[in-house]
Amino acid sequence: MNVDFIFKIAAIGIIVTVLNLLLVRSGREEQAMLTTLAGLVVVLLMVVKSIASLFNEIKGLFGL
């Protein structure tokens, strides 16, 4: 696992947190929730791609 991957996830978390705070303070709670969900989906897709890559490497290692 690369350190850049962790920094990307942390950056997305910081951006989503700031957007969430700004939207909640302006009275747009629904949009804040959707922003949080969008950030979560993006991070989950990144993690799923990484796990799929790991499984493919393990498959190749054992010749399956």
Protein backbone atom coordinates (compact mmCIF):
# COMPACT_ATOMS: atom_id res chain seq x y z
CA MET A 1 0.00 0.00 0.00
CA ASN A 2 1.31 3.37 -0.95
CA VAL A 3 1.45 6.33 1.42
CA ASP A 4 -0.07 8.52 -1.31
CA PHE A 5 -3.21 6.41 -1.13
CA ILE A 6 -3.62 7.23 2.58
CA PHE A 7 -3.00 10.93 1.90
CA LYS A 8 -5.65 10.92 -0.83
CA ILE A 9 -8.21 9.43 1.54
CA ALA A 10 -7.27 11.94 4.24
CA ALA A 11 -7.55 14.85 1.78
CA ILE A 12 -11.01 13.70 0.68
CA GLY A 13 -12.03 13.44 4.34
CA ILE A 14 -10.83 16.97 5.11
CA ILE A 15 -12.56 18.44 2.05
CA VAL A 16 -15.83 16.65 2.83
CA THR A 17 -15.66 17.78 6.46
CA VAL A 18 -15.16 21.42 5.51
CA LEU A 19 -17.97 21.29 2.95
CA ASN A 20 -20.22 19.60 5.48
CA LEU A 21 -19.56 22.29 8.09
CA LEU A 22 -20.16 25.09 5.60
CA LEU A 23 -23.41 23.57 4.37
CA VAL A 24 -24.75 22.86 7.87
CA ARG A 25 -23.95 26.42 9.01
CA SER A 26 -25.81 27.82 6.01
CA GLY A 27 -28.88 25.72 6.78
CA ARG A 28 -28.55 23.15 4.01
CA GLU A 29 -28.51 19.95 6.02
CA GLU A 30 -29.78 17.77 3.17
CA GLN A 31 -27.02 18.86 0.84
CA ALA A 32 -24.48 18.39 3.63
CA MET A 33 -25.64 14.80 4.06
CA LEU A 34 -25.44 14.17 0.30
CA THR A 35 -21.92 15.62 0.23
CA THR A 36 -20.90 13.29 3.04
CA LEU A 37 -22.43 10.32 1.23
CA ALA A 38 -20.65 11.26 -2.00
CA GLY A 39 -17.32 11.46 -0.17
CA LEU A 40 -17.95 8.08 1.42
CA VAL A 41 -18.79 6.51 -1.94
CA VAL A 42 -15.63 7.93 -3.53
CA VAL A 43 -13.43 6.57 -0.74
CA LEU A 44 -15.17 3.18 -0.81
CA LEU A 45 -14.63 2.92 -4.57
CA MET A 46 -10.95 3.72 -4.10
CA VAL A 47 -10.63 1.05 -1.42
CA VAL A 48 -12.51 -1.55 -3.47
CA LYS A 49 -10.19 -0.96 -6.44
CA SER A 50 -7.20 -1.38 -4.16
CA ILE A 51 -8.56 -4.62 -2.68
CA ALA A 52 -9.36 -5.97 -6.15
CA SER A 53 -5.79 -5.24 -7.20
CA LEU A 54 -4.51 -7.04 -4.10
CA PHE A 55 -6.62 -10.12 -4.86
CA ASN A 56 -5.39 -10.16 -8.46
CA GLU A 57 -1.78 -10.06 -7.26
CA ILE A 58 -2.44 -12.91 -4.83
CA LYS A 59 -4.11 -14.90 -7.61
CA GLY A 60 -1.12 -14.36 -9.85
CA LEU A 61 1.26 -15.33 -7.06
CA PHE A 62 -0.39 -18.70 -6.53
CA GLY A 63 -1.11 -19.23 -10.24
CA LEU A 64 -4.86 -19.57 -9.91
